[in-house]
Amino acid sequence: MKKLLPFLAVAAMCASSQAATVLTFPFSSSATPSITGDPLVGSLSADYAYIETVDGNGDPLPVPSYRADLTAPALAFGDPSARGYGAAISGNALDAVDQAVLFSFTTPQDISSFAVTLDNSTLGTPFGTNVEFYDSLDALLYSISVDQTVSGFSVNQALSLTGVSKVVLPSGAFYDNASMTVSAVPEPSRALLLGLFAGVAVFRRRRA
């Protein structure tokens, strides 16, 4: 058993250490992020969203979930002051006044940080809203409280979320300067193989 410990330890390290990708959304004219660090594993899409509460047969879903609204127009970007939402943040911003925005990952991600800035107005949903993070089964993993009635409200938070498939920006505000630090959830079999190979190398070096 003792001989297996180095292999298991290295396998665990390989499973937990994934290169990070920083996605920065300036929202000047699109929701396509600028990417720094290692390439994003999988792809990311951004759409206006709605909450689906029933299935195709009209029966209630056990877990209501956000879905991309295929009937909505493309995401809009503009000067918040044009809609009475205060002075420009840093130029154009993402218009989510009337509808929430859904970011969807094709490959689940671990998220270690999230930041966003709201418009410079006191308008918005008065009873409180949240940025929400969901897994592939639409289970809510975490939420960050957002006060849309505070001018220039900002979020800048370190996180430790695993297996995120969806991130939702709530409706009622303009958003700018959003960013996420993500890393793809490792495949267990691949992580174990990498760990075993590394463990074998360590074991051979020690014997030599």
Protein backbone atom coordinates (compact mmCIF):
# COMPACT_ATOMS: atom_id res chain seq x y z
CA MET A 1 0.00 0.00 0.00
CA LYS A 2 2.84 2.39 0.84
CA LYS A 3 4.21 1.99 -2.67
CA LEU A 4 0.90 3.25 -4.05
CA LEU A 5 0.85 6.43 -1.97
CA PRO A 6 3.13 8.44 -4.29
CA PHE A 7 0.95 7.49 -7.27
CA LEU A 8 -2.26 8.47 -5.51
CA ALA A 9 -0.82 11.74 -4.25
CA VAL A 10 0.40 12.81 -7.68
CA ALA A 11 -2.88 11.70 -9.28
CA ALA A 12 -4.78 13.89 -6.84
CA MET A 13 -2.54 16.85 -7.66
CA CYS A 14 -3.09 16.34 -11.38
CA ALA A 15 -6.84 16.18 -10.86
CA SER A 16 -6.90 19.43 -8.91
CA SER A 17 -4.36 21.49 -10.83
CA GLN A 18 -5.77 22.79 -14.10
CA ALA A 19 -4.44 25.78 -16.01
CA ALA A 20 -6.63 28.84 -15.56
CA THR A 21 -8.22 30.93 -18.29
CA VAL A 22 -9.29 34.52 -17.62
CA LEU A 23 -12.35 35.63 -19.59
CA THR A 24 -12.73 39.42 -19.68
CA PHE A 25 -15.90 40.99 -21.11
CA PRO A 26 -15.51 44.69 -21.98
CA PHE A 27 -19.04 44.66 -23.46
CA SER A 28 -18.20 47.47 -25.86
CA SER A 29 -20.02 45.86 -28.77
CA SER A 30 -20.25 42.12 -28.11
CA ALA A 31 -20.23 39.46 -25.43
CA THR A 32 -17.21 37.72 -26.93
CA PRO A 33 -14.59 37.72 -24.19
CA SER A 34 -10.93 38.54 -24.50
CA ILE A 35 -9.02 35.52 -23.24
CA THR A 36 -5.75 35.45 -21.34
CA GLY A 37 -3.93 32.46 -19.92
CA ASP A 38 -4.45 29.03 -21.43
CA PRO A 39 -7.11 28.51 -24.11
CA LEU A 40 -10.64 27.92 -22.91
CA VAL A 41 -11.57 24.25 -22.96
CA GLY A 42 -14.92 23.91 -24.72
CA SER A 43 -16.87 26.94 -25.87
CA LEU A 44 -18.94 29.72 -24.34
CA SER A 45 -22.15 31.28 -25.62
CA ALA A 46 -24.10 34.33 -24.40
CA ASP A 47 -27.81 34.90 -24.92
CA TYR A 48 -30.83 36.60 -23.45
CA ALA A 49 -32.56 34.06 -21.25
CA TYR A 50 -35.87 33.05 -19.75
CA ILE A 51 -36.80 30.69 -16.91
CA GLU A 52 -38.33 27.46 -18.14
CA THR A 53 -40.81 26.03 -15.65
CA VAL A 54 -42.58 23.29 -17.63
CA ASP A 55 -41.45 20.50 -19.95
CA GLY A 56 -42.58 19.83 -23.52
CA ASN A 57 -45.78 18.20 -22.24
CA GLY A 58 -46.69 21.16 -20.05
CA ASP A 59 -45.79 19.38 -16.81
CA PRO A 60 -43.90 21.31 -14.11
CA LEU A 61 -40.17 20.77 -14.10
CA PRO A 62 -38.71 19.53 -10.80
CA VAL A 63 -36.07 22.25 -11.12
CA PRO A 64 -37.01 25.42 -13.08
CA SER A 65 -34.02 26.43 -15.15
CA TYR A 66 -32.62 29.22 -17.31
CA ARG A 67 -32.65 28.62 -21.05
CA ALA A 68 -31.35 30.67 -23.96
CA ASP A 69 -34.28 32.60 -25.45
CA LEU A 70 -34.09 31.73 -29.12
CA THR A 71 -36.95 34.13 -29.87
CA ALA A 72 -35.11 37.13 -28.43
CA PRO A 73 -32.94 39.44 -30.55
CA ALA A 74 -29.17 39.37 -30.32
CA LEU A 75 -27.62 40.85 -27.20
CA ALA A 76 -27.75 44.65 -27.22
CA PHE A 77 -24.96 47.02 -26.22
CA GLY A 78 -25.17 50.76 -25.75
CA ASP A 79 -24.74 53.84 -23.59
CA PRO A 80 -26.78 53.38 -20.36
CA SER A 81 -27.60 57.10 -20.31
CA ALA A 82 -29.59 56.66 -23.51
CA ARG A 83 -32.12 54.68 -21.47
CA GLY A 84 -31.87 56.86 -18.38
CA TYR A 85 -29.53 54.52 -16.53
CA GLY A 86 -26.87 57.05 -15.62
CA ALA A 87 -23.65 58.20 -17.21
CA ALA A 88 -21.69 55.78 -19.32
CA ILE A 89 -19.64 53.25 -17.37
CA SER A 90 -16.71 53.12 -19.77
CA GLY A 91 -18.54 53.59 -23.03
CA ASN A 92 -21.06 51.02 -24.20
CA ALA A 93 -22.33 48.36 -21.84
CA LEU A 94 -24.41 45.18 -21.99
CA ASP A 95 -28.12 46.00 -21.93
CA ALA A 96 -29.84 43.54 -19.58
CA VAL A 97 -32.53 45.96 -18.42
CA ASP A 98 -35.44 43.92 -19.76
CA GLN A 99 -34.07 40.39 -19.78
CA ALA A 100 -31.45 38.30 -17.96
CA VAL A 101 -28.30 37.20 -19.78
CA LEU A 102 -27.16 33.59 -19.76
CA PHE A 103 -23.55 32.46 -20.28
CA SER A 104 -23.40 28.75 -21.15
CA PHE A 105 -20.26 26.57 -21.17
CA THR A 106 -20.21 23.44 -23.34
CA THR A 107 -17.61 21.99 -20.97
CA PRO A 108 -18.19 22.40 -17.20
CA GLN A 109 -15.77 24.82 -15.59
CA ASP A 110 -14.33 25.45 -12.14
CA ILE A 111 -14.62 29.16 -11.37
CA SER A 112 -12.16 30.82 -9.00
CA SER A 113 -13.16 34.48 -9.43
CA PHE A 114 -15.95 36.65 -10.78
CA ALA A 115 -16.27 40.42 -11.22
CA VAL A 116 -18.74 42.81 -12.84
CA THR A 117 -19.72 46.51 -12.69
CA LEU A 118 -23.28 47.83 -12.93
CA ASP A 119 -24.56 51.07 -14.46
CA ASN A 120 -24.28 54.47 -12.79
CA SER A 121 -27.90 54.78 -11.71
CA THR A 122 -30.16 53.91 -8.80
CA LEU A 123 -32.64 52.17 -11.11
CA GLY A 124 -33.17 48.45 -11.14
CA THR A 125 -34.99 45.70 -9.30
CA PRO A 126 -35.60 47.07 -5.78
CA PHE A 127 -36.04 43.74 -3.99
CA GLY A 128 -32.58 42.41 -4.75
CA THR A 129 -31.13 40.25 -7.49
CA ASN A 130 -28.34 37.71 -7.77
CA VAL A 131 -25.66 36.61 -10.19
CA GLU A 132 -26.22 32.85 -10.20
CA PHE A 133 -24.04 29.85 -11.02
CA TYR A 134 -25.53 26.49 -12.05
CA ASP A 135 -24.19 23.02 -12.81
CA SER A 136 -25.13 20.82 -15.79
CA LEU A 137 -28.19 19.51 -13.92
CA ASP A 138 -29.46 23.06 -13.32
CA ALA A 139 -28.74 22.86 -9.61
CA LEU A 140 -27.86 26.25 -8.12
CA LEU A 141 -24.26 26.16 -6.93
CA TYR A 142 -23.82 29.70 -5.67
CA SER A 143 -25.25 33.20 -5.93
CA ILE A 144 -23.79 36.67 -5.44
CA SER A 145 -26.14 39.36 -4.18
CA VAL A 146 -26.37 42.41 -6.46
CA ASP A 147 -27.90 45.72 -5.35
CA GLN A 148 -29.07 47.41 -8.53
CA THR A 149 -30.23 50.50 -6.59
CA VAL A 150 -26.61 51.44 -5.75
CA SER A 151 -25.03 53.55 -8.49
CA GLY A 152 -21.97 51.84 -9.94
CA PHE A 153 -22.41 48.73 -7.80
CA SER A 154 -19.55 46.30 -8.39
CA VAL A 155 -18.76 42.69 -7.62
CA ASN A 156 -15.23 41.36 -7.29
CA GLN A 157 -15.22 38.03 -5.53
CA ALA A 158 -12.92 35.04 -5.15
CA LEU A 159 -14.80 31.77 -5.57
CA SER A 160 -14.27 28.05 -5.34
CA LEU A 161 -16.97 26.61 -7.59
CA THR A 162 -16.75 23.25 -9.32
CA GLY A 163 -18.59 22.10 -12.42
CA VAL A 164 -20.26 25.34 -13.48
CA SER A 165 -22.22 25.10 -16.74
CA LYS A 166 -24.26 28.34 -16.57
CA VAL A 167 -23.76 31.86 -15.25
CA VAL A 168 -26.75 34.23 -15.15
CA LEU A 169 -26.64 38.04 -14.98
CA PRO A 170 -30.04 39.21 -13.65
CA SER A 171 -32.24 41.61 -15.58
CA GLY A 172 -32.76 45.23 -14.55
CA ALA A 173 -29.36 46.79 -15.27
CA PHE A 174 -26.53 47.51 -17.70
CA TYR A 175 -23.32 45.55 -17.10
CA ASP A 176 -19.70 46.26 -17.94
CA ASN A 177 -16.17 45.06 -17.13
CA ALA A 178 -17.15 41.51 -16.27
CA SER A 179 -14.52 38.81 -15.84
CA MET A 180 -14.29 35.17 -14.79
CA THR A 181 -11.31 32.96 -14.03
CA VAL A 182 -12.15 29.44 -15.14
CA SER A 183 -10.48 26.07 -15.55
CA ALA A 184 -12.01 23.00 -17.14
CA VAL A 185 -13.15 20.25 -14.81
CA PRO A 186 -10.61 17.44 -15.30
CA GLU A 187 -11.78 14.13 -16.68
CA PRO A 188 -11.22 11.58 -13.87
CA SER A 189 -9.72 8.93 -16.15
CA ARG A 190 -7.33 11.39 -17.78
CA ALA A 191 -6.28 12.88 -14.45
CA LEU A 192 -5.66 9.42 -13.03
CA LEU A 193 -3.54 8.38 -16.01
CA LEU A 194 -1.46 11.55 -15.79
CA GLY A 195 -1.02 10.99 -12.09
CA LEU A 196 0.03 7.38 -12.53
CA PHE A 197 2.57 8.27 -15.23
CA ALA A 198 4.01 11.01 -13.03
CA GLY A 199 4.02 8.67 -10.05
CA VAL A 200 5.91 6.02 -11.99
CA ALA A 201 8.53 8.60 -12.95
CA VAL A 202 8.94 9.67 -9.31
CA PHE A 203 9.14 6.04 -8.16
CA ARG A 204 11.81 5.18 -10.76
CA ARG A 205 13.89 8.22 -9.82
CA ARG A 206 13.80 7.26 -6.17
CA ARG A 207 14.90 3.71 -6.92
CA ALA A 208 17.71 4.97 -9.12
